[in-house]
Amino acid sequence: MDETWLYHYEPERKQESMDWRHSGSPRPPKFRVQESAGKVLASDFWDQDGILLIDYLPKGQTINMEYYSSLLVHLKGILKKKRRGVTKRVMFLHDNAPAHRALAT
């Protein structure tokens, strides 16, 4: 299991990046750093056979004990579908985030 921020950008079109200049004049400087159009937190679960679940956190919400517990319940259903016979003994590797360490989780 891992959580990562995914940033999305609005790329500049070719027409927007064009500028009129003489053939001998220097190009204007372009900065590679651009403001992100937004970001989303993705939680992904996988095993040796591939990705099991990717969940995108809704905007304005944080990962807390209730959200993470419901995510694990959802993952249990996916494990029953995709990995039949493996659901009795499953081990997770988590970091020590408060939502992961909560007693209810």
Protein backbone atom coordinates (compact mmCIF):
# COMPACT_ATOMS: atom_id res chain seq x y z
CA MET A 1 0.00 0.00 0.00
CA ASP A 2 1.26 3.44 -0.80
CA GLU A 3 -0.12 6.97 -0.91
CA THR A 4 1.14 9.60 -3.31
CA TRP A 5 0.14 13.05 -4.52
CA LEU A 6 -0.65 13.25 -8.21
CA TYR A 7 -0.26 16.71 -9.74
CA HIS A 8 -1.90 17.64 -12.99
CA TYR A 9 -0.91 20.44 -15.27
CA GLU A 10 -2.54 22.18 -18.16
CA PRO A 11 0.06 21.93 -20.91
CA GLU A 12 0.74 24.92 -23.11
CA ARG A 13 -0.41 24.44 -26.68
CA LYS A 14 2.02 24.97 -29.53
CA GLN A 15 0.11 28.08 -30.71
CA GLU A 16 0.33 29.63 -27.23
CA SER A 17 4.09 29.12 -27.00
CA MET A 18 4.85 30.70 -30.39
CA ASP A 19 6.06 34.27 -30.57
CA TRP A 20 7.00 36.65 -33.37
CA ARG A 21 10.64 37.62 -33.57
CA HIS A 22 13.38 38.32 -36.09
CA SER A 23 15.56 35.40 -37.12
CA GLY A 24 18.62 36.87 -35.39
CA SER A 25 17.00 37.96 -32.13
CA PRO A 26 17.43 35.79 -29.04
CA ARG A 27 14.58 33.67 -27.76
CA PRO A 28 12.81 34.89 -24.64
CA PRO A 29 13.60 32.86 -21.52
CA LYS A 30 11.15 30.12 -20.66
CA PHE A 31 10.79 28.85 -17.15
CA ARG A 32 10.08 25.18 -16.69
CA VAL A 33 8.38 25.60 -13.33
CA GLN A 34 4.67 26.02 -13.78
CA GLU A 35 1.87 26.23 -11.29
CA SER A 36 -0.04 23.00 -10.78
CA ALA A 37 -3.64 23.00 -12.00
CA GLY A 38 -4.52 20.78 -9.05
CA LYS A 39 -3.54 17.70 -7.13
CA VAL A 40 -5.19 14.59 -5.80
CA LEU A 41 -4.09 11.99 -3.25
CA ALA A 42 -4.03 8.44 -4.63
CA SER A 43 -3.95 5.37 -2.39
CA ASP A 44 -2.91 2.26 -4.22
CA PHE A 45 -2.85 -1.36 -3.12
CA TRP A 46 -0.99 -4.08 -4.98
CA ASP A 47 0.48 -7.54 -4.60
CA GLN A 48 2.92 -9.70 -6.56
CA ASP A 49 0.35 -10.18 -9.34
CA GLY A 50 -0.42 -6.51 -9.94
CA ILE A 51 -2.55 -3.58 -8.83
CA LEU A 52 -5.61 -4.41 -6.74
CA LEU A 53 -7.12 -1.02 -5.98
CA ILE A 54 -6.43 2.64 -6.69
CA ASP A 55 -8.52 5.10 -4.70
CA TYR A 56 -8.53 8.86 -5.23
CA LEU A 57 -9.32 10.95 -2.17
CA PRO A 58 -12.24 13.36 -2.77
CA LYS A 59 -11.33 17.05 -2.75
CA GLY A 60 -11.49 18.66 0.68
CA GLN A 61 -11.35 15.37 2.57
CA THR A 62 -8.50 13.96 4.65
CA ILE A 63 -7.54 10.37 5.34
CA ASN A 64 -8.75 9.55 8.81
CA MET A 65 -9.56 6.34 10.66
CA GLU A 66 -13.11 6.02 9.28
CA TYR A 67 -12.10 6.65 5.67
CA TYR A 68 -9.16 4.26 5.82
CA SER A 69 -11.21 1.54 7.50
CA SER A 70 -13.86 1.77 4.78
CA LEU A 71 -11.09 1.58 2.19
CA LEU A 72 -9.84 -1.66 3.76
CA VAL A 73 -13.36 -3.12 3.71
CA HIS A 74 -13.58 -2.23 0.02
CA LEU A 75 -10.19 -3.87 -0.54
CA LYS A 76 -11.39 -7.05 1.18
CA GLY A 77 -14.21 -7.36 -1.36
CA ILE A 78 -11.77 -6.85 -4.22
CA LEU A 79 -9.44 -9.49 -2.78
CA LYS A 80 -12.31 -11.98 -2.66
CA LYS A 81 -13.02 -11.32 -6.35
CA LYS A 82 -9.50 -11.15 -7.74
CA ARG A 83 -7.53 -13.50 -5.45
CA ARG A 84 -9.82 -16.37 -4.55
CA GLY A 85 -8.60 -18.50 -1.67
CA VAL A 86 -6.01 -15.97 -0.53
CA THR A 87 -8.24 -13.83 1.70
CA LYS A 88 -7.81 -15.86 4.91
CA ARG A 89 -4.29 -14.68 5.65
CA VAL A 90 -3.29 -11.33 4.16
CA MET A 91 -0.38 -9.23 5.44
CA PHE A 92 -0.21 -5.50 4.75
CA LEU A 93 2.84 -3.29 4.71
CA HIS A 94 1.88 0.19 5.91
CA ASP A 95 3.74 3.23 7.08
CA ASN A 96 3.08 4.63 10.55
CA ALA A 97 0.50 7.26 9.61
CA PRO A 98 -2.08 7.90 12.35
CA ALA A 99 -4.94 6.53 10.23
CA HIS A 100 -2.98 3.32 9.67
CA ARG A 101 -2.12 2.87 13.37
CA ALA A 102 -5.61 3.53 14.75
CA LEU A 103 -7.10 0.74 16.82
CA ALA A 104 -10.28 0.51 14.72
CA THR A 105 -8.22 0.14 11.55
